[in-house]
Each structure stands twice: as structure tokens, then as C-alpha cells.
Amino acid sequence: MKLVRFGAPGREKPGIIDDKGRIRDLSGVVPDIGGDAIGPKGLARIRKAAIDKLPAVRGGVRIGPCVAGTRHFIAIGLNYADHAAEAGQAIPKEPIIFEKAPSCIVGPNDDIMVPKGSQKLDWEVELGVVIGSRARYLSKKAAMDAVAGYCVVNDVSERHFQLERHGQWTKGKGCETFGPIGPWLVTRDEVENVQRLSMFLDVNGEKRQRGSTRTMIFGVAHLVWYCSQFFVLEPGDVITTGTPPGVGLGMKPEPVYLKAGDRMHLGIEGLGEQSQKVVRFRM
């Protein structure tokens, strides 16, 4: 299933994509795409619904973040071997974990706002893993049972804040609008092999990132298991799993960063696409 949230910011409704690519309103089936609705029982309830009889949603409606109620927006650094090489970094021996502020989450096509003091605004197409069941101290064998599905994430980053302002990476990762997720939450059963998905990101129509989840250093199952050893994962939490090469920081002969007016277009095989415009800071 492809689950979606649509409508104005803060007033999104739950939906599902039918076999003709139209959004159907799920409000009569589940209250939102999050919490119990993306657990095993909630997903089973959605599967039993007569999708073609649900109200069709008009075209042109805003697509919101594909999951609600995210408490942990967890990110994994340097998790692609080819990106680590691009950055001149050694392969990590264990996953590098940091957090993006849940308040940075926006819809997949919402504007990206340049934060105050920004000097080096960058892009990162990433695979997002959406948690569907409460998870703590998982066994490696049971790790995937906690996963509801997957989505596209743009891990927007401010490199000056992240790398030159000292301390942890979080300050360059959680600024307002730095977390577009969606368009869909694609349930786990629809993805045959999550470690074989192609990825891309373009800026102003120019090729930037091309990669595949096959070059991940730590795969999805390992990351879910690993994170559960340190904190409790709740339904609606998102783990964004790292990026392939082609980020602005790694461009040669010198880095290239985003500016107001730029447009990003990105996507992952089977999970949909995003499109964002970079805008100046606004109150």
C-alpha cells in the first residue's frame, strides 16, 4: 500500500493511493497515518477497506508529511561506502547516529527555507524507514517486524552549522523545513528488496546524486536493531539511513551549495519523488 497525508499544514487527513494513482480519503477507516494505524492491526484494517468506494480526493491538493506523530527523527551519518569515499572519511565501525528535530518535518513538495546565518546549504536524498511497532532491545532476527514501511527523505543540511560551529551535527540538521518526507509511506510488503533501490537528486535540472541502497554500509535491518539497543522506537518514528555520493560538500573542484531560488528534484525507486524550492528566511 501507498499511504499518504493530504491537506493544509497541521490539518492533514489520511489517504491511500488507489490502483489508478488517485488519492482516496481514509478518514473513515483510520484517524491518521501514524500511531496504531501503521501497526500490524491498523495496516490490516486498511487492507480490508473497499478502497475504490472511499471518497476520491480532488487533484492539486497539498501532500503533507507521510507519517504523523514522529517523536524520534533519527539520522545515520556516513552510511554509504561511496559517499564516505567522496567525503574522505574512513568507513565507520558502528553506525553514526544523530537526531534531526521532528519540528523540521515538512511535506515532500514544501519550500525549503534558508535559515538565519546559513552559508553552506546542502542536499541529501535518503531512504527513510518508518517504525510501525514499539521496539526496544530487538533481536536481529525480529528487527524488520518493527518496520511499517519506507519513504523518501531529503536530509537537508547546513554544513557551516554542522561542521564548523563545533559540537554535534544536530545543529546543522534540524533547522526549520530541513526534513521533507514522503510523498508516500510505502508498506514493507510492497518493497521486494530494500537494499536494491536506485536513488537520484537533481538541482535546477542538473544531475547531482545517483546511487543505490546496495552501497549502504549498515543495512536497514541492522540499523533498526542497532537503534533499539539505545532508545525506544515508537510507531511513527523515522530513521533516515544515509546518502549516496553527489552532495554539494563533495563537489569538485570546490563545493557547491544551495541558494534561494534553487529547485531540487529527488526520488527513490518505487517510493515516489519530491520537488522543493529553496526560499529566503521568513518569519
Protein backbone atom coordinates (compact mmCIF):
# COMPACT_ATOMS: atom_id res chain seq x y z
CA MET A 1 0.00 0.00 0.00
CA LYS A 2 0.95 3.60 -0.56
CA LEU A 3 -0.31 5.68 2.34
CA VAL A 4 -0.41 9.47 2.19
CA ARG A 5 -1.44 12.51 4.22
CA PHE A 6 -3.04 15.40 2.37
CA GLY A 7 -4.31 18.88 3.13
CA ALA A 8 -3.14 22.11 4.72
CA PRO A 9 -0.18 22.04 7.16
CA GLY A 10 -1.36 20.86 10.58
CA ARG A 11 -4.73 19.72 9.20
CA GLU A 12 -3.67 16.77 7.07
CA LYS A 13 -6.02 13.84 6.53
CA PRO A 14 -5.08 10.19 5.95
CA GLY A 15 -5.28 8.76 2.45
CA ILE A 16 -4.29 5.85 0.25
CA ILE A 17 -3.28 5.70 -3.40
CA ASP A 18 -5.65 3.58 -5.48
CA ASP A 19 -4.72 1.44 -8.47
CA LYS A 20 -5.21 4.42 -10.80
CA GLY A 21 -2.89 6.67 -8.84
CA ARG A 22 -5.66 8.72 -7.21
CA ILE A 23 -5.80 9.64 -3.53
CA ARG A 24 -8.70 8.13 -1.59
CA ASP A 25 -9.73 9.57 1.78
CA LEU A 26 -9.08 7.13 4.65
CA SER A 27 -10.61 9.34 7.35
CA GLY A 28 -13.46 6.87 7.88
CA VAL A 29 -11.02 3.99 8.37
CA VAL A 30 -8.17 5.42 10.49
CA PRO A 31 -7.71 8.79 12.21
CA ASP A 32 -4.28 9.45 10.69
CA ILE A 33 -1.22 7.75 9.21
CA GLY A 34 0.69 7.20 12.44
CA GLY A 35 0.42 5.53 15.83
CA ASP A 36 -1.72 2.39 15.89
CA ALA A 37 -2.80 2.93 12.28
CA ILE A 38 0.62 1.86 10.99
CA GLY A 39 0.97 -1.09 13.36
CA PRO A 40 0.05 -4.62 12.21
CA LYS A 41 -3.61 -4.33 13.24
CA GLY A 42 -4.03 -0.86 11.77
CA LEU A 43 -2.49 -1.84 8.44
CA ALA A 44 -4.68 -4.95 8.35
CA ARG A 45 -7.74 -2.72 8.85
CA ILE A 46 -6.70 -0.51 5.95
CA ARG A 47 -6.12 -3.54 3.71
CA LYS A 48 -9.68 -4.73 4.37
CA ALA A 49 -11.19 -1.39 3.33
CA ALA A 50 -13.01 -1.15 -0.01
CA ILE A 51 -10.54 1.34 -1.47
CA ASP A 52 -12.49 2.02 -4.67
CA LYS A 53 -15.52 3.07 -2.60
CA LEU A 54 -13.68 5.59 -0.45
CA PRO A 55 -14.12 9.30 -1.33
CA ALA A 56 -11.78 10.44 -4.09
CA VAL A 57 -9.64 13.50 -3.30
CA ARG A 58 -9.54 16.38 -5.76
CA GLY A 59 -6.41 16.88 -7.79
CA GLY A 60 -3.88 19.53 -6.82
CA VAL A 61 -4.25 19.04 -3.09
CA ARG A 62 -1.10 19.58 -0.99
CA ILE A 63 0.72 16.40 0.02
CA GLY A 64 1.87 16.52 3.65
CA PRO A 65 4.49 14.50 5.53
CA CYS A 66 3.62 10.84 5.01
CA VAL A 67 3.56 9.96 8.72
CA ALA A 68 2.23 11.73 11.81
CA GLY A 69 3.39 11.77 15.41
CA THR A 70 7.13 11.35 14.84
CA ARG A 71 8.95 11.55 18.20
CA HIS A 72 12.38 10.41 17.03
CA PHE A 73 13.69 11.57 13.65
CA ILE A 74 16.89 9.57 13.68
CA ALA A 75 19.64 10.00 11.09
CA ILE A 76 22.61 7.85 10.18
CA GLY A 77 25.83 9.50 9.04
CA LEU A 78 28.40 8.25 6.51
CA ASN A 79 26.40 5.09 5.77
CA TYR A 80 27.23 4.73 2.07
CA ALA A 81 30.67 3.44 1.17
CA ASP A 82 30.87 5.63 -1.94
CA HIS A 83 29.76 8.73 -0.02
CA ALA A 84 32.35 8.08 2.72
CA ALA A 85 34.99 7.90 -0.01
CA GLU A 86 33.69 11.17 -1.52
CA ALA A 87 33.97 12.83 1.91
CA GLY A 88 37.43 11.38 2.51
CA GLN A 89 36.22 9.62 5.65
CA ALA A 90 37.00 6.15 6.97
CA ILE A 91 34.25 3.51 6.93
CA PRO A 92 32.53 3.65 10.34
CA LYS A 93 32.87 0.56 12.54
CA GLU A 94 29.43 1.20 14.02
CA PRO A 95 26.53 3.34 12.78
CA ILE A 96 26.92 7.08 13.39
CA ILE A 97 23.65 8.25 14.95
CA PHE A 98 22.35 11.79 15.32
CA GLU A 99 18.89 13.35 15.52
CA LYS A 100 17.02 15.71 13.26
CA ALA A 101 14.45 17.77 15.16
CA PRO A 102 10.93 16.40 14.48
CA SER A 103 9.85 20.03 14.13
CA CYS A 104 11.82 20.21 10.85
CA ILE A 105 9.48 17.71 9.14
CA VAL A 106 7.52 19.09 6.17
CA GLY A 107 5.74 17.76 3.12
CA PRO A 108 7.67 16.40 0.14
CA ASN A 109 7.00 19.44 -2.05
CA ASP A 110 7.02 22.20 0.56
CA ASP A 111 9.54 25.03 0.34
CA ILE A 112 12.96 24.71 1.98
CA MET A 113 13.79 27.86 3.94
CA VAL A 114 17.35 29.17 4.20
CA PRO A 115 17.95 29.57 7.96
CA LYS A 116 19.37 32.71 9.53
CA GLY A 117 23.16 32.78 9.25
CA SER A 118 23.28 30.00 6.66
CA GLN A 119 26.40 29.81 4.49
CA LYS A 120 26.53 26.24 3.16
CA LEU A 121 23.09 24.75 2.49
CA ASP A 122 23.25 21.23 1.11
CA TRP A 123 21.05 18.34 -0.08
CA GLU A 124 20.95 14.59 0.68
CA VAL A 125 18.50 12.10 -0.83
CA GLU A 126 17.92 9.28 1.66
CA LEU A 127 15.83 6.20 2.32
CA GLY A 128 13.54 6.70 5.32
CA VAL A 129 12.44 3.74 7.46
CA VAL A 130 9.11 4.26 9.23
CA ILE A 131 8.61 2.39 12.50
CA GLY A 132 5.23 0.71 12.97
CA SER A 133 5.57 -1.09 16.31
CA ARG A 134 7.12 -0.12 19.64
CA ALA A 135 10.64 -1.54 19.69
CA ARG A 136 13.21 -1.91 22.45
CA TYR A 137 16.20 -4.27 22.59
CA LEU A 138 15.14 -6.04 19.41
CA SER A 139 16.85 -9.22 18.31
CA LYS A 140 18.46 -9.02 14.89
CA LYS A 141 16.00 -11.63 13.63
CA ALA A 142 12.97 -9.61 14.73
CA ALA A 143 14.19 -6.16 13.67
CA MET A 144 12.19 -5.92 10.44
CA ASP A 145 8.95 -6.83 12.24
CA ALA A 146 9.02 -3.32 13.74
CA VAL A 147 9.07 -1.64 10.31
CA ALA A 148 5.83 -0.33 8.80
CA GLY A 149 7.38 0.82 5.55
CA TYR A 150 9.62 3.25 3.71
CA CYS A 151 9.66 6.76 2.30
CA VAL A 152 11.86 9.30 0.55
CA VAL A 153 13.69 11.79 2.78
CA ASN A 154 15.69 14.87 1.86
CA ASP A 155 18.15 15.27 4.73
CA VAL A 156 18.66 18.99 4.12
CA SER A 157 21.85 20.10 5.86
CA GLU A 158 23.67 23.32 6.72
CA ARG A 159 27.35 22.37 6.57
CA HIS A 160 28.67 25.50 8.27
CA PHE A 161 26.43 24.83 11.28
CA GLN A 162 27.12 21.09 11.16
CA LEU A 163 30.90 21.03 10.73
CA GLU A 164 32.30 24.45 11.66
CA ARG A 165 30.19 25.60 14.60
CA HIS A 166 31.56 22.83 16.87
CA GLY A 167 29.64 20.26 18.89
CA GLN A 168 27.32 17.68 17.39
CA TRP A 169 25.93 17.54 13.86
CA THR A 170 22.37 18.07 15.08
CA LYS A 171 22.56 21.88 14.85
CA GLY A 172 23.11 21.66 11.09
CA LYS A 173 20.40 19.07 10.50
CA GLY A 174 17.24 20.12 12.32
CA CYS A 175 16.56 23.66 11.11
CA GLU A 176 13.02 24.58 10.13
CA THR A 177 11.91 22.77 6.90
CA PHE A 178 15.04 20.56 6.84
CA GLY A 179 13.02 17.30 6.81
CA PRO A 180 10.80 16.72 3.76
CA ILE A 181 9.36 13.18 3.96
CA GLY A 182 7.08 11.40 1.50
CA PRO A 183 5.18 11.56 -0.76
CA TRP A 184 4.05 8.12 0.35
CA LEU A 185 4.65 5.69 3.15
CA VAL A 186 5.11 2.52 1.09
CA THR A 187 4.38 -0.51 3.25
CA ARG A 188 7.15 -3.04 3.73
CA ASP A 189 5.37 -5.80 1.80
CA GLU A 190 5.49 -3.73 -1.42
CA VAL A 191 9.27 -3.42 -1.46
CA GLU A 192 10.85 -6.63 -2.70
CA ASN A 193 14.43 -5.78 -1.71
CA VAL A 194 15.05 -2.56 0.20
CA GLN A 195 18.79 -2.99 -0.33
CA ARG A 196 18.49 -2.73 -4.12
CA LEU A 197 16.74 0.61 -4.71
CA SER A 198 18.10 3.27 -7.08
CA MET A 199 18.16 6.91 -5.92
CA PHE A 200 18.61 10.30 -7.55
CA LEU A 201 18.67 14.02 -6.80
CA ASP A 202 18.94 16.92 -9.25
CA VAL A 203 19.37 20.65 -8.60
CA ASN A 204 17.95 23.09 -11.15
CA GLY A 205 17.65 20.21 -13.60
CA GLU A 206 21.34 19.28 -13.27
CA LYS A 207 22.41 15.81 -12.14
CA ARG A 208 23.79 15.73 -8.61
CA GLN A 209 23.23 12.42 -6.83
CA ARG A 210 22.93 8.97 -8.36
CA GLY A 211 23.21 5.91 -6.18
CA SER A 212 21.66 2.77 -4.77
CA THR A 213 20.83 1.43 -1.34
CA ARG A 214 23.06 -1.54 -2.20
CA THR A 215 26.11 0.53 -1.18
CA MET A 216 24.84 1.10 2.35
CA ILE A 217 27.43 0.07 4.92
CA PHE A 218 24.82 -0.91 7.50
CA GLY A 219 21.57 -2.24 6.05
CA VAL A 220 18.05 -1.41 7.20
CA ALA A 221 17.63 -4.45 9.46
CA HIS A 222 20.93 -3.74 11.20
CA LEU A 223 20.07 -0.08 11.75
CA VAL A 224 16.65 -0.81 13.26
CA TRP A 225 18.16 -3.43 15.56
CA TYR A 226 21.08 -1.16 16.49
CA CYS A 227 18.95 1.89 17.31
CA SER A 228 16.66 -0.22 19.51
CA GLN A 229 19.63 -1.07 21.73
CA PHE A 230 19.96 2.59 22.78
CA PHE A 231 16.46 4.06 22.84
CA VAL A 232 12.84 3.04 22.43
CA LEU A 233 11.42 3.33 18.94
CA GLU A 234 7.73 4.25 18.71
CA PRO A 235 5.22 4.00 15.83
CA GLY A 236 5.73 6.97 13.54
CA ASP A 237 9.42 7.35 14.28
CA VAL A 238 11.62 7.71 11.21
CA ILE A 239 15.19 6.50 10.65
CA THR A 240 16.81 8.21 7.67
CA THR A 241 19.61 5.95 6.59
CA GLY A 242 22.34 7.97 4.90
CA THR A 243 23.05 9.31 1.43
CA PRO A 244 24.96 8.27 -1.70
CA PRO A 245 27.66 10.46 -3.29
CA GLY A 246 26.97 13.74 -5.07
CA VAL A 247 26.26 16.13 -2.21
CA GLY A 248 27.26 19.78 -2.59
CA LEU A 249 30.00 19.47 0.02
CA GLY A 250 31.78 16.84 -2.07
CA MET A 251 31.67 18.54 -5.46
CA LYS A 252 34.94 19.21 -7.29
CA PRO A 253 36.92 21.36 -7.81
CA GLU A 254 35.05 23.11 -4.98
CA PRO A 255 31.79 22.65 -3.07
CA VAL A 256 28.52 23.98 -4.48
CA TYR A 257 25.69 24.97 -2.15
CA LEU A 258 22.02 25.84 -2.44
CA LYS A 259 20.71 29.39 -2.64
CA ALA A 260 17.26 30.96 -2.67
CA GLY A 261 15.51 30.24 -5.95
CA ASP A 262 17.14 26.83 -6.50
CA ARG A 263 14.92 23.79 -7.04
CA MET A 264 15.57 20.20 -6.01
CA HIS A 265 14.03 17.10 -7.55
CA LEU A 266 14.69 13.75 -5.93
CA GLY A 267 13.33 10.25 -5.64
CA ILE A 268 13.85 6.59 -4.83
CA GLU A 269 12.79 3.63 -6.96
CA GLY A 270 9.26 2.56 -6.00
CA LEU A 271 8.90 5.15 -3.24
CA GLY A 272 7.99 8.26 -5.24
CA GLU A 273 9.55 11.66 -5.86
CA GLN A 274 9.85 15.06 -4.18
CA SER A 275 10.30 18.60 -5.52
CA GLN A 276 11.29 21.62 -3.42
CA LYS A 277 12.07 25.27 -3.97
CA VAL A 278 14.65 27.00 -1.77
CA VAL A 279 13.33 30.27 -0.36
CA ARG A 280 14.77 33.07 1.80
CA PHE A 281 14.21 33.06 5.55
CA ARG A 282 10.79 34.34 6.55
CA MET A 283 9.10 34.81 9.89
